[in-house]
Protein backbone atom coordinates (compact mmCIF):
# COMPACT_ATOMS: atom_id res chain seq x y z
CA MET A 1 0.33 0.19 -0.22
CA ASP A 2 1.30 3.53 -0.70
CA ILE A 3 0.96 5.31 2.45
CA LEU A 4 1.53 8.98 0.87
CA ALA A 5 -1.38 8.22 -1.43
CA LEU A 6 -3.41 6.94 1.83
CA VAL A 7 -2.60 9.85 3.60
CA GLY A 8 -3.66 12.03 0.36
CA ALA A 9 -6.99 10.28 0.77
CA PHE A 10 -7.81 12.30 3.77
CA GLY A 11 -7.45 15.58 1.07
CA GLY A 12 -9.55 13.86 -1.58
CA GLY A 13 -12.37 12.84 0.91
CA LEU A 14 -12.33 16.61 2.34
CA ILE A 15 -12.25 18.15 -1.04
CA GLY A 16 -15.45 15.90 -2.06
CA ALA A 17 -16.68 17.49 1.27
CA MET A 18 -15.75 20.97 0.51
CA LEU A 19 -17.16 20.96 -3.28
CA GLY A 20 -20.22 18.11 -3.19
CA ALA A 21 -20.04 15.00 -3.57
CA ILE A 22 -21.69 15.72 -6.94
CA PRO A 23 -19.23 18.70 -7.97
CA ALA A 24 -16.04 15.80 -7.07
CA PHE A 25 -17.51 13.36 -9.14
CA ILE A 26 -18.15 15.79 -11.94
CA MET A 27 -14.69 16.50 -11.92
CA SER A 28 -13.39 13.06 -12.02
CA GLY A 29 -15.17 12.62 -15.07
CA VAL A 30 -13.53 15.31 -16.64
CA ILE A 31 -9.84 14.61 -15.67
CA ALA A 32 -10.55 10.95 -17.00
CA LEU A 33 -12.38 12.27 -19.71
CA ILE A 34 -8.88 14.14 -20.51
CA GLY A 35 -7.12 10.94 -19.22
CA GLY A 36 -8.96 8.71 -21.61
CA ILE A 37 -8.14 10.65 -24.86
CA ALA A 38 -4.78 11.08 -23.92
CA THR A 39 -4.47 7.44 -23.16
CA ALA A 40 -6.14 6.61 -26.99
CA SER A 41 -3.27 9.01 -28.52
CA GLY A 42 -0.79 6.52 -26.41
CA ALA A 43 0.11 8.42 -23.66
CA PRO A 44 0.27 6.79 -20.32
CA ALA A 45 -2.98 6.18 -18.17
CA ASP A 46 -1.00 6.02 -14.46
CA LEU A 47 -1.51 10.04 -14.16
CA THR A 48 -4.66 11.23 -15.12
CA ILE A 49 -6.86 8.32 -14.31
CA GLY A 50 -4.96 6.12 -12.39
CA PHE A 51 -3.49 8.74 -9.50
CA LEU A 52 -6.00 11.71 -10.23
CA ALA A 53 -8.99 10.96 -11.51
CA PHE A 54 -9.72 7.40 -10.41
CA GLY A 55 -6.71 7.66 -7.28
CA ALA A 56 -6.57 9.23 -3.89
CA PHE A 57 -7.29 12.81 -5.29
CA LEU A 58 -10.86 12.49 -6.82
CA GLY A 59 -11.49 9.23 -7.28
CA PRO A 60 -15.07 8.22 -6.82
CA HIS A 61 -14.52 6.03 -3.79
CA VAL A 62 -12.40 8.74 -2.24
CA ALA A 63 -14.23 12.62 -3.18
CA PHE A 64 -17.29 11.14 -3.85
CA ALA A 65 -17.62 8.72 -0.92
CA GLY A 66 -16.22 11.48 1.48
CA GLY A 67 -18.69 13.98 -0.03
CA VAL A 68 -21.36 11.52 0.83
CA ALA A 69 -20.68 10.87 4.26
CA ALA A 70 -19.75 14.74 5.06
CA ALA A 71 -23.37 15.48 3.81
CA GLY A 72 -24.56 12.75 5.98
CA TYR A 73 -23.10 13.68 9.02
CA ALA A 74 -23.94 17.73 8.18
CA GLY A 75 -28.04 16.11 8.12
CA ARG A 76 -27.56 14.42 11.18
CA THR A 77 -26.38 17.26 13.08
CA LYS A 78 -28.92 19.75 11.53
CA ARG A 79 -26.42 21.52 9.65
CA ILE A 80 -28.70 20.75 6.43
CA LYS A 81 -32.02 19.84 5.99
CA SER A 82 -31.30 16.57 4.59
CA GLY A 83 -28.40 14.52 4.70
CA ALA A 84 -29.21 13.10 1.29
CA ASN A 85 -28.07 16.12 -0.62
CA ILE A 86 -25.05 15.16 -2.40
CA PHE A 87 -24.92 18.27 -4.55
CA LEU A 88 -24.05 21.02 -1.88
CA ALA A 89 -20.88 22.51 -1.56
CA LEU A 90 -20.41 21.57 2.29
CA ASN A 91 -17.82 24.58 2.68
CA GLN A 92 -20.41 27.10 2.84
CA LEU A 93 -21.08 25.47 6.58
CA LYS A 94 -17.49 26.50 7.54
CA SER A 95 -17.60 23.30 10.11
CA PRO A 96 -14.24 21.73 10.66
CA ALA A 97 -16.40 18.70 11.35
CA VAL A 98 -17.96 17.95 8.57
CA LEU A 99 -14.72 18.60 6.54
CA LEU A 100 -13.12 15.89 8.81
CA VAL A 101 -15.59 13.42 7.71
CA GLY A 102 -14.84 13.95 4.59
CA GLY A 103 -11.39 13.51 5.17
CA ILE A 104 -11.92 10.48 7.16
CA PHE A 105 -14.05 8.21 5.02
CA GLY A 106 -11.81 9.42 1.81
CA MET A 107 -9.10 7.65 3.89
CA GLY A 108 -11.42 4.75 4.44
CA GLY A 109 -12.21 4.68 0.87
CA PHE A 110 -8.77 4.21 -0.02
CA LEU A 111 -8.03 1.48 2.71
CA ILE A 112 -11.45 -0.50 1.62
CA HIS A 113 -10.08 0.03 -2.00
CA TYR A 114 -7.09 -1.59 -1.45
CA LEU A 115 -8.01 -4.51 0.52
CA ILE A 116 -10.66 -5.45 -1.82
CA GLY A 117 -8.22 -5.29 -4.59
CA LEU A 118 -6.22 -8.09 -2.69
CA ILE A 119 -9.03 -10.66 -2.98
CA PRO A 120 -7.74 -13.48 -5.52
CA PHE A 121 -11.59 -13.84 -6.92
CA VAL A 122 -11.54 -13.03 -10.84
CA ALA A 123 -14.99 -11.86 -11.03
CA LEU A 124 -14.55 -9.13 -8.64
CA PRO A 125 -16.86 -5.71 -9.03
CA ASP A 126 -15.44 -3.03 -10.18
CA LEU A 127 -13.09 -1.64 -7.18
CA PRO A 128 -14.22 2.09 -6.80
CA SER A 129 -18.01 1.14 -7.22
CA ILE A 130 -18.09 -1.55 -4.64
CA THR A 131 -16.13 0.54 -2.30
CA VAL A 132 -18.66 3.31 -3.03
CA VAL A 133 -21.52 1.51 -2.42
CA ILE A 134 -19.77 -0.13 1.10
CA LEU A 135 -18.95 3.56 2.46
CA ALA A 136 -22.62 4.28 1.53
CA VAL A 137 -24.05 1.60 4.57
CA ILE A 138 -21.32 2.94 6.48
CA THR A 139 -22.58 6.20 6.44
CA ARG A 140 -26.23 5.47 6.66
CA LEU A 141 -25.56 3.23 9.46
CA PHE A 142 -23.55 6.00 11.40
CA PHE A 143 -25.52 9.00 10.09
CA GLY A 144 -28.82 7.92 8.97
CA SER A 145 -31.88 7.17 10.93
CA SER A 146 -34.52 5.84 8.59
CA GLY A 147 -32.66 2.40 8.46
CA LEU A 148 -31.03 0.50 5.33
CA THR A 149 -33.99 0.34 2.96
CA GLY A 150 -35.07 3.86 4.51
CA GLU A 151 -38.74 4.25 5.68
CA CYS A 152 -41.31 2.30 4.69
CA THR A 153 -44.47 4.04 6.55
CA GLY A 154 -46.10 7.05 5.63
CA PRO A 155 -48.91 8.26 2.96
CA ASP A 156 -46.66 7.64 0.20
CA LYS A 157 -45.86 3.96 -0.32
CA LYS A 158 -42.47 3.06 -1.00
CA VAL A 159 -41.98 1.81 -4.14
CA TRP A 160 -39.80 -1.46 -4.52
CA LEU A 161 -40.13 -2.71 -8.04
CA LEU A 162 -40.62 -1.18 -11.66
CA CYS A 163 -43.89 -2.09 -13.75
CA GLY A 164 -45.75 -0.66 -16.45
CA ASN A 165 -44.52 2.83 -18.23
CA ASP A 166 -41.69 3.30 -16.24
CA LEU A 167 -40.12 -0.08 -16.43
CA LEU A 168 -40.51 0.30 -20.70
CA TYR A 169 -39.01 3.80 -20.04
CA ASP A 170 -36.00 2.88 -18.14
CA ALA A 171 -35.66 -0.12 -20.73
CA LEU A 172 -35.72 2.26 -23.57
CA LEU A 173 -33.23 4.95 -22.09
CA GLY A 174 -31.23 2.15 -21.29
CA GLY A 175 -31.23 0.03 -24.26
CA GLY A 176 -30.88 3.14 -26.57
CA VAL A 177 -27.63 4.57 -24.36
CA GLY A 178 -26.79 0.94 -24.70
CA ILE A 179 -27.18 0.96 -28.68
CA ALA A 180 -24.66 4.28 -29.22
CA VAL A 181 -22.19 2.87 -26.60
CA ALA A 182 -22.45 -0.77 -27.68
CA PHE A 183 -22.33 -0.10 -31.78
CA VAL A 184 -19.40 2.51 -31.88
CA GLY A 185 -17.59 0.36 -29.91
CA SER A 186 -18.28 -2.58 -32.26
CA ALA A 187 -17.57 0.08 -35.02
CA LEU A 188 -14.16 0.79 -33.36
CA PHE A 189 -13.36 -2.75 -33.04
CA GLY A 190 -14.54 -3.17 -36.22
CA ALA A 191 -12.03 -0.56 -37.70
CA GLY A 192 -9.12 -2.20 -36.30
CA ALA A 193 -8.85 0.50 -33.50
CA GLY A 194 -6.00 -0.02 -31.80
CA ASP A 195 -5.10 -1.64 -28.09
CA ALA A 196 -5.08 1.82 -25.97
CA VAL A 197 -8.37 2.80 -27.58
CA LEU A 198 -10.40 -0.22 -27.19
CA SER A 199 -8.90 -1.05 -23.46
CA ILE A 200 -9.78 2.73 -22.68
CA TYR A 201 -13.10 2.91 -24.60
CA PRO A 202 -14.91 1.75 -21.37
CA VAL A 203 -13.62 4.46 -19.22
CA ILE A 204 -14.28 7.03 -22.06
CA CYS A 205 -17.61 6.61 -22.34
CA PHE A 206 -18.36 6.45 -18.51
CA SER A 207 -16.36 9.57 -18.26
CA ILE A 208 -18.39 11.42 -20.96
CA SER A 209 -21.63 10.71 -18.54
CA ALA A 210 -19.90 11.60 -15.26
CA VAL A 211 -19.39 15.21 -17.08
CA THR A 212 -22.87 15.41 -18.61
CA LEU A 213 -23.92 15.49 -14.43
CA LEU A 214 -22.78 18.87 -14.71
CA PHE A 215 -26.46 19.65 -16.27
CA THR A 216 -27.97 17.77 -13.55
CA GLN A 217 -26.02 20.06 -11.07
CA MET A 218 -27.47 23.10 -13.07
CA GLY A 219 -30.67 21.83 -12.21
CA PHE A 220 -31.87 20.31 -15.39
CA ALA A 221 -33.71 16.94 -15.77
CA VAL A 222 -30.68 14.86 -16.67
CA PRO A 223 -30.54 11.38 -15.56
CA ALA A 224 -26.81 9.80 -14.58
CA THR A 225 -26.20 7.47 -17.09
CA HIS A 226 -22.20 6.51 -16.15
CA HIS A 227 -23.76 3.43 -14.77
CA ILE A 228 -25.24 2.26 -18.54
CA THR A 229 -22.45 3.37 -20.74
CA PHE A 230 -19.53 1.86 -18.56
CA CYS A 231 -21.78 -1.53 -18.21
CA ALA A 232 -22.45 -1.22 -22.06
CA ALA A 233 -18.64 -0.74 -23.09
CA LEU A 234 -17.45 -3.39 -20.41
CA ALA A 235 -20.24 -5.92 -22.12
CA THR A 236 -19.26 -5.04 -25.93
CA THR A 237 -15.67 -5.46 -25.33
CA LEU A 238 -16.50 -8.50 -23.70
CA GLY A 239 -19.01 -10.16 -25.96
CA ILE A 240 -17.05 -9.15 -29.21
CA SER A 241 -14.45 -11.52 -27.95
CA LEU A 242 -16.91 -14.36 -27.42
CA PHE A 243 -19.49 -13.50 -29.86
CA GLY A 244 -18.11 -11.36 -32.41
CA LEU A 245 -18.85 -8.16 -33.07
CA VAL A 246 -23.11 -8.06 -33.95
CA GLY A 247 -22.89 -10.47 -30.74
CA GLY A 248 -20.77 -7.90 -28.75
CA ALA A 249 -23.08 -4.29 -29.61
CA LEU A 250 -25.96 -6.53 -28.94
CA LEU A 251 -24.61 -7.97 -25.58
CA GLY A 252 -23.52 -4.06 -24.50
CA THR A 253 -26.97 -3.03 -25.51
CA LEU A 254 -28.87 -5.69 -22.97
CA PHE A 255 -26.52 -4.68 -20.38
CA GLY A 256 -27.43 -1.04 -20.89
CA ALA A 257 -31.01 -1.68 -20.69
CA LEU A 258 -30.21 -3.76 -17.62
CA ALA A 259 -28.02 -1.21 -16.27
CA ALA A 260 -31.31 2.00 -16.59
CA VAL A 261 -33.58 -0.69 -14.77
CA LEU A 262 -31.54 -1.92 -12.19
CA GLY A 263 -30.56 1.55 -11.22
CA SER A 264 -33.81 2.59 -11.03
CA ILE A 265 -34.69 -0.42 -8.53
CA PHE A 266 -31.88 0.29 -6.32
CA CYS A 267 -33.05 3.86 -6.52
CA ASN A 268 -36.19 2.56 -4.90
CA LEU A 269 -35.02 -0.02 -2.39
CA LEU A 270 -32.16 1.98 -0.99
CA ASN A 271 -32.56 5.59 -1.93
CA THR A 272 -36.07 6.66 -1.28
CA ARG A 273 -37.72 8.03 1.88
CA CYS A 274 -34.06 8.12 3.61
CA ASP A 275 -31.66 10.65 4.92
CA THR A 276 -28.24 9.88 3.55
CA HIS A 277 -27.26 8.87 -0.13
CA PHE A 278 -27.24 5.59 -1.35
CA ASP A 279 -25.75 5.49 -4.93
CA PRO A 280 -27.89 3.45 -7.26
CA PRO A 281 -25.52 3.87 -10.12
CA ALA A 282 -22.72 2.67 -7.83
CA SER A 283 -24.64 -0.63 -6.99
CA THR A 284 -25.94 -1.00 -10.47
CA ILE A 285 -21.86 -0.90 -11.50
CA SER A 286 -20.88 -3.44 -8.95
CA ALA A 287 -23.80 -6.18 -9.82
CA LEU A 288 -23.08 -5.82 -13.22
CA THR A 289 -19.42 -5.99 -13.37
CA ILE A 290 -19.71 -8.96 -10.93
CA THR A 291 -21.97 -10.60 -13.72
CA LEU A 292 -20.02 -9.45 -16.65
CA GLY A 293 -16.94 -11.55 -14.91
CA LEU A 294 -18.66 -14.31 -14.23
CA ILE A 295 -19.25 -14.81 -17.90
CA MET A 296 -15.95 -13.97 -18.59
CA MET A 297 -14.81 -16.80 -16.15
CA ALA A 298 -17.63 -19.44 -17.41
CA ALA A 299 -16.28 -18.60 -21.09
CA SER A 300 -12.79 -19.09 -20.34
């Protein structure tokens, strides 16, 4: 373990609290997009992607998770109205305790990410996303008061599963985004794109979606799609190796639709009628990357 990076993760989590979880995640996406394009052009990925975008500085498991925990703490201590508000820059509170919580959870995210990476099992989930999920559980247990799955009582019934138009809309949204990702990816493979391009393609797709959250932060009704684009791109690359270009594109489209539906299910189950944030996209990426890992193991 890099002890210097572990200490640096305290600052990364503090930055997530200062900026707010979503703004910090957007910054991660911006840097990852720049790094992904540079890597596709032949530059090394270690600096911009490994150390900055997904490392101790702005990695989702550090800065985003630190911001989520800091918001949960701020809500618990009545500094803000809701601890689930991850759009709020907590710098305005001028609270050392809030920044400390962000920093401590940033270090915790770095440490959990490292320890999970030591597990000798091929079908591991995406490490940043599963770390975000684990820290979301810890945040809710420490700072929440509505239980792990949120309150189930009150005049408005908690919706557990999708049905009707909601299910159709999410499947169409995810499938449509998945089509764009999967068929463009297959076209890149078919055109003979180099290994650098193909290996970084899922990160570029993820990063573009992360950057679009800037519009969500501004108040527009733009949904999170990074779980859709990332899972669709990963499924496409795996599917091409197993079934060829068209089969890979179809598998990517399928996983895009699954990601959208599963994301809404996780939102209904874990992120409604609650007082801390439990990230549906991270939960979705964790589940579907495990699924893709198992498919890869079965096929090998």
